[in-house]
C-alpha cells in the first residue's frame, strides 16, 4: 500500500512539473529565437567582414606593395611628414615672392 501511494504521488507530481516546464520553455522560446537570429546574423557578418578584409588586404598589396599594418602606418606617417615639408616649402616660396613684390613696390 505504501508503495502504491508513492507511485501515485510521484505520478501526480510529474504532470504538474511537466506543465510548468512546458510553460517555462514557451516563455523562453522568444529569447531563444532572438539569440538564434542574432547568432545567424553574427555569423553572416563574420563571413562578410572576412571577405572584405581579404579584399582590402589584396588591394593594399596591389597599391602599396604590402598588407602589413605596421608598414602601412609607417608609410602613412612618412607621407604626412613629406606633406608637411612640402607645405612649409610652399609657404617659404610664397613669402619670398611677397618679399620681392614688396621690394619692387618700395623701389617705385
PDB file of N, CA and C in Angstrom:
ATOM      1  N   UNK A   1       0.814  -1.180   0.000  1.00  0.00           N
ATOM      2  CA  UNK A   1       0.000   0.000   0.000  1.00  0.00           C
ATOM      3  C   UNK A   1       0.861   1.247   0.000  1.00  0.00           C
ATOM      4  N   UNK A   2       1.896   1.206   0.814  1.00  0.00           N
ATOM      5  CA  UNK A   2       2.838   2.318   0.901  1.00  0.00           C
ATOM      6  C   UNK A   2       3.467   2.586  -0.470  1.00  0.00           C
ATOM      7  N   UNK A   3       3.799   1.503  -1.122  1.00  0.00           N
ATOM      8  CA  UNK A   3       4.430   1.610  -2.418  1.00  0.00           C
ATOM      9  C   UNK A   3       3.485   2.218  -3.454  1.00  0.00           C
ATOM     10  N   UNK A   4       2.283   1.835  -3.466  1.00  0.00           N
ATOM     11  CA  UNK A   4       1.344   2.328  -4.462  1.00  0.00           C
ATOM     12  C   UNK A   4       1.052   3.806  -4.244  1.00  0.00           C
ATOM     13  N   UNK A   5       1.047   4.259  -2.987  1.00  0.00           N
ATOM     14  CA  UNK A   5       0.842   5.678  -2.717  1.00  0.00           C
ATOM     15  C   UNK A   5       2.004   6.503  -3.260  1.00  0.00           C
ATOM     16  N   UNK A   6       3.228   6.014  -3.014  1.00  0.00           N
ATOM     17  CA  UNK A   6       4.388   6.724  -3.506  1.00  0.00           C
ATOM     18  C   UNK A   6       4.352   6.815  -5.031  1.00  0.00           C
ATOM     19  N   UNK A   7       3.999   5.771  -5.676  1.00  0.00           N
ATOM     20  CA  UNK A   7       3.902   5.777  -7.129  1.00  0.00           C
ATOM     21  C   UNK A   7       2.866   6.762  -7.600  1.00  0.00           C
ATOM     22  N   UNK A   8       1.738   6.805  -6.902  1.00  0.00           N
ATOM     23  CA  UNK A   8       0.687   7.736  -7.271  1.00  0.00           C
ATOM     24  C   UNK A   8       1.121   9.172  -7.011  1.00  0.00           C
ATOM     25  N   UNK A   9       1.801   9.388  -5.872  1.00  0.00           N
ATOM     26  CA  UNK A   9       2.227  10.741  -5.538  1.00  0.00           C
ATOM     27  C   UNK A   9       3.231  11.258  -6.564  1.00  0.00           C
ATOM     28  N   UNK A  10       4.224  10.430  -6.876  1.00  0.00           N
ATOM     29  CA  UNK A  10       5.209  10.894  -7.845  1.00  0.00           C
ATOM     30  C   UNK A  10       4.560  11.028  -9.219  1.00  0.00           C
ATOM     31  N   UNK A  11       3.621  10.179  -9.519  1.00  0.00           N
ATOM     32  CA  UNK A  11       2.902  10.285 -10.782  1.00  0.00           C
ATOM     33  C   UNK A  11       2.092  11.557 -10.843  1.00  0.00           C
ATOM     34  N   UNK A  12       1.533  11.971  -9.746  1.00  0.00           N
ATOM     35  CA  UNK A  12       0.730  13.182  -9.744  1.00  0.00           C
ATOM     36  C   UNK A  12       1.600  14.425  -9.788  1.00  0.00           C
ATOM     37  N   UNK A  13       2.849  14.338  -9.315  1.00  0.00           N
ATOM     38  CA  UNK A  13       3.760  15.488  -9.355  1.00  0.00           C
ATOM     39  C   UNK A  13       4.313  15.702 -10.762  1.00  0.00           C
ATOM     40  N   UNK A  14       4.587  14.636 -11.465  1.00  0.00           N
ATOM     41  CA  UNK A  14       5.229  14.752 -12.776  1.00  0.00           C
ATOM     42  C   UNK A  14       4.411  15.571 -13.768  1.00  0.00           C
ATOM     43  N   UNK A  15       3.115  15.320 -13.921  1.00  0.00           N
ATOM     44  CA  UNK A  15       2.379  16.133 -14.884  1.00  0.00           C
ATOM     45  C   UNK A  15       2.399  17.612 -14.520  1.00  0.00           C
ATOM     46  N   UNK A  16       2.338  17.922 -13.234  1.00  0.00           N
ATOM     47  CA  UNK A  16       2.392  19.320 -12.820  1.00  0.00           C
ATOM     48  C   UNK A  16       3.731  19.941 -13.157  1.00  0.00           C
ATOM     49  N   UNK A  17       4.797  19.247 -12.873  1.00  0.00           N
ATOM     50  CA  UNK A  17       6.116  19.788 -13.170  1.00  0.00           C
ATOM     51  C   UNK A  17       6.357  19.808 -14.679  1.00  0.00           C
ATOM     52  N   UNK A  18       5.791  18.839 -15.405  1.00  0.00           N
ATOM     53  CA  UNK A  18       5.896  18.869 -16.866  1.00  0.00           C
ATOM     54  C   UNK A  18       5.188  20.091 -17.414  1.00  0.00           C
ATOM     55  N   UNK A  19       4.036  20.377 -16.867  1.00  0.00           N
ATOM     56  CA  UNK A  19       3.282  21.552 -17.313  1.00  0.00           C
ATOM     57  C   UNK A  19       4.049  22.830 -17.028  1.00  0.00           C
ATOM     58  N   UNK A  20       4.654  22.885 -15.855  1.00  0.00           N
ATOM     59  CA  UNK A  20       5.445  24.064 -15.509  1.00  0.00           C
ATOM     60  C   UNK A  20       6.658  24.179 -16.422  1.00  0.00           C
ATOM     61  N   UNK A  21       7.282  23.044 -16.696  1.00  0.00           N
ATOM     62  CA  UNK A  21       8.448  23.050 -17.580  1.00  0.00           C
ATOM     63  C   UNK A  21       8.051  23.503 -18.983  1.00  0.00           C
ATOM     64  N   UNK A  22       6.908  23.041 -19.465  1.00  0.00           N
ATOM     65  CA  UNK A  22       6.447  23.465 -20.792  1.00  0.00           C
ATOM     66  C   UNK A  22       6.158  24.953 -20.822  1.00  0.00           C
ATOM     67  N   UNK A  23       5.524  25.459 -19.775  1.00  0.00           N
ATOM     68  CA  UNK A  23       5.244  26.895 -19.707  1.00  0.00           C
ATOM     69  C   UNK A  23       6.554  27.688 -19.718  1.00  0.00           C
ATOM     70  N   UNK A  24       7.508  27.207 -18.951  1.00  0.00           N
ATOM     71  CA  UNK A  24       8.797  27.896 -18.891  1.00  0.00           C
ATOM     72  C   UNK A  24       9.488  27.853 -20.252  1.00  0.00           C
ATOM     73  N   UNK A  25       9.438  26.692 -20.911  1.00  0.00           N
ATOM     74  CA  UNK A  25      10.028  26.587 -22.243  1.00  0.00           C
ATOM     75  C   UNK A  25       9.352  27.546 -23.220  1.00  0.00           C
ATOM     76  N   UNK A  26       8.035  27.621 -23.147  1.00  0.00           N
ATOM     77  CA  UNK A  26       7.302  28.536 -24.018  1.00  0.00           C
ATOM     78  C   UNK A  26       7.680  29.983 -23.738  1.00  0.00           C
ATOM     79  N   UNK A  27       7.877  30.311 -22.469  1.00  0.00           N
ATOM     80  CA  UNK A  27       8.273  31.675 -22.102  1.00  0.00           C
ATOM     81  C   UNK A  27       9.696  31.977 -22.587  1.00  0.00           C
ATOM     82  N   UNK A  28      10.550  30.974 -22.610  1.00  0.00           N
ATOM     83  CA  UNK A  28      11.936  31.160 -23.040  1.00  0.00           C
ATOM     84  C   UNK A  28      12.092  31.128 -24.563  1.00  0.00           C
ATOM     85  N   UNK A  29      11.121  30.599 -25.244  1.00  0.00           N
ATOM     86  CA  UNK A  29      11.206  30.429 -26.695  1.00  0.00           C
ATOM     87  C   UNK A  29      11.519  31.740 -27.435  1.00  0.00           C
ATOM     88  N   UNK A  30      10.850  32.866 -27.147  1.00  0.00           N
ATOM     89  CA  UNK A  30      11.185  34.110 -27.875  1.00  0.00           C
ATOM     90  C   UNK A  30      12.641  34.542 -27.676  1.00  0.00           C
ATOM     91  N   UNK A  31      13.143  34.413 -26.460  1.00  0.00           N
ATOM     92  CA  UNK A  31      14.532  34.781 -26.202  1.00  0.00           C
ATOM     93  C   UNK A  31      15.467  33.857 -26.983  1.00  0.00           C
ATOM     94  N   UNK A  32      15.156  32.579 -27.016  1.00  0.00           N
ATOM     95  CA  UNK A  32      15.958  31.618 -27.771  1.00  0.00           C
ATOM     96  C   UNK A  32      15.962  31.980 -29.255  1.00  0.00           C
ATOM     97  N   UNK A  33      14.807  32.271 -29.802  1.00  0.00           N
ATOM     98  CA  UNK A  33      14.703  32.607 -31.223  1.00  0.00           C
ATOM     99  C   UNK A  33      15.468  33.890 -31.536  1.00  0.00           C
ATOM    100  N   UNK A  34      15.390  34.865 -30.635  1.00  0.00           N
ATOM    101  CA  UNK A  34      16.115  36.118 -30.819  1.00  0.00           C
ATOM    102  C   UNK A  34      17.624  35.865 -30.827  1.00  0.00           C
ATOM    103  N   UNK A  35      18.091  35.068 -29.858  1.00  0.00           N
ATOM    104  CA  UNK A  35      19.522  34.748 -29.786  1.00  0.00           C
ATOM    105  C   UNK A  35      19.972  33.936 -30.997  1.00  0.00           C
ATOM    106  N   UNK A  36      19.131  33.048 -31.440  1.00  0.00           N
ATOM    107  CA  UNK A  36      19.446  32.238 -32.618  1.00  0.00           C
ATOM    108  C   UNK A  36      19.580  33.135 -33.851  1.00  0.00           C
ATOM    109  N   UNK A  37      18.644  34.068 -34.002  1.00  0.00           N
ATOM    110  CA  UNK A  37      18.714  35.010 -35.130  1.00  0.00           C
ATOM    111  C   UNK A  37      19.961  35.885 -35.019  1.00  0.00           C
ATOM    112  N   UNK A  38      20.287  36.318 -33.801  1.00  0.00           N
ATOM    113  CA  UNK A  38      21.495  37.119 -33.590  1.00  0.00           C
ATOM    114  C   UNK A  38      22.744  36.334 -33.966  1.00  0.00           C
ATOM    115  N   UNK A  39      22.780  35.050 -33.594  1.00  0.00           N
ATOM    116  CA  UNK A  39      23.932  34.214 -33.930  1.00  0.00           C
ATOM    117  C   UNK A  39      24.071  34.067 -35.441  1.00  0.00           C
ATOM    118  N   UNK A  40      22.962  33.839 -36.121  1.00  0.00           N
ATOM    119  CA  UNK A  40      22.996  33.682 -37.574  1.00  0.00           C
ATOM    120  C   UNK A  40      23.474  34.976 -38.226  1.00  0.00           C
ATOM    121  N   UNK A  41      22.964  36.111 -37.733  1.00  0.00           N
ATOM    122  CA  UNK A  41      23.368  37.414 -38.258  1.00  0.00           C
ATOM    123  C   UNK A  41      24.863  37.656 -37.990  1.00  0.00           C
ATOM    124  N   UNK A  42      25.323  37.313 -36.798  1.00  0.00           N
ATOM    125  CA  UNK A  42      26.737  37.499 -36.452  1.00  0.00           C
ATOM    126  C   UNK A  42      27.628  36.624 -37.334  1.00  0.00           C
ATOM    127  N   UNK A  43      27.215  35.384 -37.570  1.00  0.00           N
ATOM    128  CA  UNK A  43      27.996  34.500 -38.435  1.00  0.00           C
ATOM    129  C   UNK A  43      28.059  35.058 -39.848  1.00  0.00           C
ATOM    130  N   UNK A  44      26.949  35.604 -40.312  1.00  0.00           N
ATOM    131  CA  UNK A  44      26.912  36.210 -41.639  1.00  0.00           C
ATOM    132  C   UNK A  44      27.828  37.435 -41.689  1.00  0.00           C
ATOM    133  N   UNK A  45      27.793  38.247 -40.626  1.00  0.00           N
ATOM    134  CA  UNK A  45      28.665  39.421 -40.563  1.00  0.00           C
ATOM    135  C   UNK A  45      30.132  39.009 -40.575  1.00  0.00           C
ATOM    136  N   UNK A  46      30.469  37.957 -39.847  1.00  0.00           N
ATOM    137  CA  UNK A  46      31.855  37.482 -39.818  1.00  0.00           C
ATOM    138  C   UNK A  46      32.292  37.055 -41.219  1.00  0.00           C
ATOM    139  N   UNK A  47      31.444  36.330 -41.921  1.00  0.00           N
ATOM    140  CA  UNK A  47      31.782  35.898 -43.282  1.00  0.00           C
ATOM    141  C   UNK A  47      31.978  37.096 -44.196  1.00  0.00           C
ATOM    142  N   UNK A  48      31.053  38.064 -44.128  1.00  0.00           N
ATOM    143  CA  UNK A  48      31.124  39.252 -44.978  1.00  0.00           C
ATOM    144  C   UNK A  48      32.381  40.067 -44.656  1.00  0.00           C
ATOM    145  N   UNK A  49      32.623  40.284 -43.368  1.00  0.00           N
ATOM    146  CA  UNK A  49      33.780  41.082 -42.965  1.00  0.00           C
ATOM    147  C   UNK A  49      35.103  40.384 -43.274  1.00  0.00           C
ATOM    148  N   UNK A  50      35.120  39.068 -43.181  1.00  0.00           N
ATOM    149  CA  UNK A  50      36.319  38.313 -43.545  1.00  0.00           C
ATOM    150  C   UNK A  50      36.618  38.495 -45.032  1.00  0.00           C
ATOM    151  N   UNK A  51      35.581  38.453 -45.856  1.00  0.00           N
ATOM    152  CA  UNK A  51      35.761  38.661 -47.294  1.00  0.00           C
ATOM    153  C   UNK A  51      36.215  40.089 -47.580  1.00  0.00           C
ATOM    154  N   UNK A  52      35.629  41.070 -46.874  1.00  0.00           N
ATOM    155  CA  UNK A  52      36.038  42.465 -47.059  1.00  0.00           C
ATOM    156  C   UNK A  52      37.497  42.666 -46.651  1.00  0.00           C
ATOM    157  N   UNK A  53      37.903  42.042 -45.562  1.00  0.00           N
ATOM    158  CA  UNK A  53      39.292  42.154 -45.107  1.00  0.00           C
ATOM    159  C   UNK A  53      40.242  41.554 -46.134  1.00  0.00           C
ATOM    160  N   UNK A  54      39.889  40.400 -46.672  1.00  0.00           N
ATOM    161  CA  UNK A  54      40.730  39.766 -47.688  1.00  0.00           C
ATOM    162  C   UNK A  54      40.848  40.665 -48.920  1.00  0.00           C
ATOM    163  N   UNK A  55      39.733  41.284 -49.311  1.00  0.00           N
ATOM    164  CA  UNK A  55      39.759  42.185 -50.470  1.00  0.00           C
ATOM    165  C   UNK A  55      40.606  43.428 -50.175  1.00  0.00           C
ATOM    166  N   UNK A  56      40.490  43.967 -48.968  1.00  0.00           N
ATOM    167  CA  UNK A  56      41.273  45.151 -48.591  1.00  0.00           C
ATOM    168  C   UNK A  56      42.763  44.817 -48.549  1.00  0.00           C
ATOM    169  N   UNK A  57      43.092  43.637 -48.033  1.00  0.00           N
ATOM    170  CA  UNK A  57      44.495  43.226 -47.997  1.00  0.00           C
ATOM    171  C   UNK A  57      45.051  43.067 -49.417  1.00  0.00           C
ATOM    172  N   UNK A  58      44.251  42.478 -50.296  1.00  0.00           N
ATOM    173  CA  UNK A  58      44.691  42.307 -51.684  1.00  0.00           C
ATOM    174  C   UNK A  58      44.886  43.672 -52.351  1.00  0.00           C
ATOM    175  N   UNK A  59      43.977  44.596 -52.095  1.00  0.00           N
ATOM    176  CA  UNK A  59      44.095  45.941 -52.660  1.00  0.00           C
ATOM    177  C   UNK A  59      45.340  46.643 -52.113  1.00  0.00           C
ATOM    178  N   UNK A  60      45.599  46.497 -50.824  1.00  0.00           N
ATOM    179  CA  UNK A  60      46.785  47.117 -50.215  1.00  0.00           C
ATOM    180  C   UNK A  60      48.058  46.544 -50.830  1.00  0.00           C
ATOM    181  N   UNK A  61      48.107  45.238 -51.018  1.00  0.00           N
ATOM    182  CA  UNK A  61      49.289  44.616 -51.638  1.00  0.00           C
ATOM    183  C   UNK A  61      49.491  45.146 -53.051  1.00  0.00           C
ATOM    184  N   UNK A  62      48.374  45.305 -53.780  1.00  0.00           N
ATOM    185  CA  UNK A  62      48.462  45.781 -55.156  1.00  0.00           C
ATOM    186  C   UNK A  62      48.902  47.241 -55.211  1.00  0.00           C
ATOM    187  N   UNK A  63      48.314  48.087 -54.371  1.00  0.00           N
ATOM    188  CA  UNK A  63      48.581  49.518 -54.436  1.00  0.00           C
ATOM    189  C   UNK A  63      49.812  49.947 -53.646  1.00  0.00           C
ATOM    190  N   UNK A  64      50.069  49.289 -52.520  1.00  0.00           N
ATOM    191  CA  UNK A  64      51.148  49.724 -51.634  1.00  0.00           C
ATOM    192  C   UNK A  64      52.319  48.745 -51.574  1.00  0.00           C
ATOM    193  N   UNK A  65      52.118  47.576 -52.125  1.00  0.00           N
ATOM    194  CA  UNK A  65      53.178  46.585 -52.108  1.00  0.00           C
ATOM    195  C   UNK A  65      53.244  45.770 -50.819  1.00  0.00           C
ATOM    196  N   UNK A  66      52.322  46.017 -49.897  1.00  0.00           N
ATOM    197  CA  UNK A  66      52.293  45.277 -48.634  1.00  0.00           C
ATOM    198  C   UNK A  66      50.893  45.332 -48.048  1.00  0.00           C
ATOM    199  N   UNK A  67      50.598  44.345 -47.201  1.00  0.00           N
ATOM    200  CA  UNK A  67      49.347  44.391 -46.443  1.00  0.00           C
ATOM    201  C   UNK A  67      49.642  44.394 -44.944  1.00  0.00           C
ATOM    202  N   UNK A  68      50.916  44.602 -44.607  1.00  0.00           N
ATOM    203  CA  UNK A  68      51.327  44.666 -43.214  1.00  0.00           C
ATOM    204  C   UNK A  68      50.888  46.003 -42.614  1.00  0.00           C
ATOM    205  N   UNK A  69      50.082  45.947 -41.549  1.00  0.00           N
ATOM    206  CA  UNK A  69      49.518  47.159 -40.968  1.00  0.00           C
ATOM    207  C   UNK A  69      50.588  48.106 -40.446  1.00  0.00           C
ATOM    208  N   UNK A  70      51.605  47.586 -39.791  1.00  0.00           N
ATOM    209  CA  UNK A  70      52.670  48.435 -39.257  1.00  0.00           C
ATOM    210  C   UNK A  70      53.415  49.142 -40.389  1.00  0.00           C
ATOM    211  N   UNK A  71      53.660  48.423 -41.457  1.00  0.00           N
ATOM    212  CA  UNK A  71      54.353  49.005 -42.611  1.00  0.00           C
ATOM    213  C   UNK A  71      53.482  50.084 -43.257  1.00  0.00           C
ATOM    214  N   UNK A  72      52.197  49.835 -43.370  1.00  0.00           N
ATOM    215  CA  UNK A  72      51.285  50.834 -43.953  1.00  0.00           C
ATOM    216  C   UNK A  72      51.230  52.075 -43.060  1.00  0.00           C
ATOM    217  N   UNK A  73      51.187  51.884 -41.733  1.00  0.00           N
ATOM    218  CA  UNK A  73      51.209  53.031 -40.806  1.00  0.00           C
ATOM    219  C   UNK A  73      52.491  53.849 -41.001  1.00  0.00           C
ATOM    220  N   UNK A  74      53.618  53.150 -41.131  1.00  0.00           N
ATOM    221  CA  UNK A  74      54.890  53.833 -41.345  1.00  0.00           C
ATOM    222  C   UNK A  74      54.853  54.638 -42.640  1.00  0.00           C
ATOM    223  N   UNK A  75      54.285  54.049 -43.682  1.00  0.00           N
ATOM    224  CA  UNK A  75      54.183  54.725 -44.971  1.00  0.00           C
ATOM    225  C   UNK A  75      53.292  55.968 -44.867  1.00  0.00           C
ATOM    226  N   UNK A  76      52.211  55.854 -44.113  1.00  0.00           N
ATOM    227  CA  UNK A  76      51.305  56.996 -43.932  1.00  0.00           C
ATOM    228  C   UNK A  76      52.018  58.121 -43.183  1.00  0.00           C
ATOM    229  N   UNK A  77      52.717  57.775 -42.125  1.00  0.00           N
ATOM    230  CA  UNK A  77      53.457  58.786 -41.354  1.00  0.00           C
ATOM    231  C   UNK A  77      54.526  59.446 -42.212  1.00  0.00           C
ATOM    232  N   UNK A  78      55.185  58.654 -43.031  1.00  0.00           N
ATOM    233  CA  UNK A  78      56.198  59.183 -43.938  1.00  0.00           C
ATOM    234  C   UNK A  78      55.563  60.162 -44.929  1.00  0.00           C
ATOM    235  N   UNK A  79      54.404  59.790 -45.468  1.00  0.00           N
ATOM    236  CA  UNK A  79      53.698  60.667 -46.411  1.00  0.00           C
ATOM    237  C   UNK A  79      53.242  61.955 -45.724  1.00  0.00           C
ATOM    238  N   UNK A  80      52.782  61.848 -44.477  1.00  0.00           N
ATOM    239  CA  UNK A  80      52.372  63.059 -43.736  1.00  0.00           C
ATOM    240  C   UNK A  80      53.559  63.981 -43.512  1.00  0.00           C
ATOM    241  N   UNK A  81      54.689  63.411 -43.143  1.00  0.00           N
ATOM    242  CA  UNK A  81      55.895  64.220 -42.925  1.00  0.00           C
ATOM    243  C   UNK A  81      56.318  64.900 -44.225  1.00  0.00           C
ATOM    244  N   UNK A  82      56.264  64.177 -45.333  1.00  0.00           N
ATOM    245  CA  UNK A  82      56.604  64.749 -46.639  1.00  0.00           C
ATOM    246  C   UNK A  82      55.636  65.868 -46.995  1.00  0.00           C
ATOM    247  N   UNK A  83      54.358  65.670 -46.732  1.00  0.00           N
ATOM    248  CA  UNK A  83      53.367  66.731 -46.985  1.00  0.00           C
ATOM    249  C   UNK A  83      53.679  67.972 -46.162  1.00  0.00           C
ATOM    250  N   UNK A  84      54.031  67.783 -44.896  1.00  0.00           N
ATOM    251  CA  UNK A  84      54.362  68.918 -44.027  1.00  0.00           C
ATOM    252  C   UNK A  84      55.582  69.663 -44.578  1.00  0.00           C
ATOM    253  N   UNK A  85      56.590  68.923 -45.048  1.00  0.00           N
ATOM    254  CA  UNK A  85      57.785  69.559 -45.637  1.00  0.00           C
ATOM    255  C   UNK A  85      57.403  70.359 -46.885  1.00  0.00           C
ATOM    256  N   UNK A  86      56.554  69.781 -47.716  1.00  0.00           N
ATOM    257  CA  UNK A  86      56.154  70.470 -48.947  1.00  0.00           C
ATOM    258  C   UNK A  86      55.315  71.712 -48.655  1.00  0.00           C
ATOM    259  N   UNK A  87      54.436  71.628 -47.674  1.00  0.00           N
ATOM    260  CA  UNK A  87      53.636  72.799 -47.295  1.00  0.00           C
ATOM    261  C   UNK A  87      54.554  73.910 -46.805  1.00  0.00           C
ATOM    262  N   UNK A  88      55.534  73.563 -45.981  1.00  0.00           N
ATOM    263  CA  UNK A  88      56.484  74.565 -45.482  1.00  0.00           C
ATOM    264  C   UNK A  88      57.295  75.166 -46.622  1.00  0.00           C
ATOM    265  N   UNK A  89      57.730  74.341 -47.566  1.00  0.00           N
ATOM    266  CA  UNK A  89      58.489  74.848 -48.717  1.00  0.00           C
ATOM    267  C   UNK A  89      57.618  75.788 -49.549  1.00  0.00           C
ATOM    268  N   UNK A  90      56.355  75.451 -49.724  1.00  0.00           N
ATOM    269  CA  UNK A  90      55.435  76.306 -50.472  1.00  0.00           C
ATOM    270  C   UNK A  90      55.247  77.635 -49.743  1.00  0.00           C
ATOM    271  N   UNK A  91      55.086  77.563 -48.420  1.00  0.00           N
ATOM    272  CA  UNK A  91      54.920  78.786 -47.627  1.00  0.00           C
ATOM    273  C   UNK A  91      56.156  79.674 -47.751  1.00  0.00           C
ATOM    274  N   UNK A  92      57.347  79.092 -47.737  1.00  0.00           N
ATOM    275  CA  UNK A  92      58.587  79.866 -47.893  1.00  0.00           C
ATOM    276  C   UNK A  92      58.652  80.514 -49.270  1.00  0.00           C
ATOM    277  N   UNK A  93      58.236  79.779 -50.291  1.00  0.00           N
ATOM    278  CA  UNK A  93      58.222  80.331 -51.650  1.00  0.00           C
ATOM    279  C   UNK A  93      57.267  81.514 -51.733  1.00  0.00           C
ATOM    280  N   UNK A  94      56.106  81.381 -51.136  1.00  0.00           N
ATOM    281  CA  UNK A  94      55.144  82.482 -51.134  1.00  0.00           C
ATOM    282  C   UNK A  94      55.701  83.706 -50.416  1.00  0.00           C
ATOM    283  N   UNK A  95      56.371  83.475 -49.280  1.00  0.00           N
ATOM    284  CA  UNK A  95      56.962  84.593 -48.538  1.00  0.00           C
ATOM    285  C   UNK A  95      58.045  85.282 -49.377  1.00  0.00           C
ATOM    286  N   UNK A  96      58.817  84.490 -50.107  1.00  0.00           N
ATOM    287  CA  UNK A  96      59.875  85.054 -50.956  1.00  0.00           C
ATOM    288  C   UNK A  96      59.268  85.908 -52.060  1.00  0.00           C
ATOM    289  N   UNK A  97      58.193  85.423 -52.675  1.00  0.00           N
ATOM    290  CA  UNK A  97      57.519  86.192 -53.729  1.00  0.00           C
ATOM    291  C   UNK A  97      56.944  87.473 -53.135  1.00  0.00           C
ATOM    292  N   UNK A  98      56.310  87.364 -51.967  1.00  0.00           N
ATOM    293  CA  UNK A  98      55.750  88.551 -51.322  1.00  0.00           C
ATOM    294  C   UNK A  98      56.851  89.566 -50.993  1.00  0.00           C
ATOM    295  N   UNK A  99      58.001  89.079 -50.511  1.00  0.00           N
ATOM    296  CA  UNK A  99      59.119  89.965 -50.195  1.00  0.00           C
ATOM    297  C   UNK A  99      59.628  90.679 -51.436  1.00  0.00           C
ATOM    298  N   UNK A 100      59.748  89.965 -52.553  1.00  0.00           N
ATOM    299  CA  UNK A 100      60.207  90.578 -53.810  1.00  0.00           C
ATOM    300  C   UNK A 100      59.205  91.607 -54.313  1.00  0.00           C
ATOM    301  N   UNK A 101      57.917  91.264 -54.213  1.00  0.00           N
ATOM    302  CA  UNK A 101      56.889  92.218 -54.633  1.00  0.00           C
ATOM    303  C   UNK A 101      56.929  93.466 -53.748  1.00  0.00           C
ATOM    304  N   UNK A 102      57.109  93.270 -52.466  1.00  0.00           N
ATOM    305  CA  UNK A 102      57.199  94.409 -51.549  1.00  0.00           C
ATOM    306  C   UNK A 102      58.416  95.263 -51.874  1.00  0.00           C
ATOM    307  N   UNK A 103      59.539  94.626 -52.223  1.00  0.00           N
ATOM    308  CA  UNK A 103      60.743  95.366 -52.593  1.00  0.00           C
ATOM    309  C   UNK A 103      60.532  96.157 -53.883  1.00  0.00           C
ATOM    310  N   UNK A 104      59.819  95.563 -54.858  1.00  0.00           N
ATOM    311  CA  UNK A 104      59.522  96.263 -56.114  1.00  0.00           C
ATOM    312  C   UNK A 104      58.619  97.462 -55.848  1.00  0.00           C
ATOM    313  N   UNK A 105      57.616  97.285 -54.986  1.00  0.00           N
ATOM    314  CA  UNK A 105      56.719  98.385 -54.652  1.00  0.00           C
ATOM    315  C   UNK A 105      57.487  99.501 -53.954  1.00  0.00           C
ATOM    316  N   UNK A 106      58.432  99.163 -53.088  1.00  0.00           N
ATOM    317  CA  UNK A 106      59.208 100.156 -52.359  1.00  0.00           C
ATOM    318  C   UNK A 106      60.145 100.903 -53.318  1.00  0.00           C
ATOM    319  N   UNK A 107      60.611 100.232 -54.377  1.00  0.00           N
ATOM    320  CA  UNK A 107      61.538 100.853 -55.323  1.00  0.00           C
ATOM    321  C   UNK A 107      60.813 101.842 -56.232  1.00  0.00           C
ATOM    322  N   UNK A 108      59.576 101.758 -56.390  1.00  0.00           N
ATOM    323  CA  UNK A 108      58.810 102.660 -57.277  1.00  0.00           C
ATOM    324  C   UNK A 108      58.698 103.968 -56.676  1.00  0.00           C
TER     325      UNK A 108
END
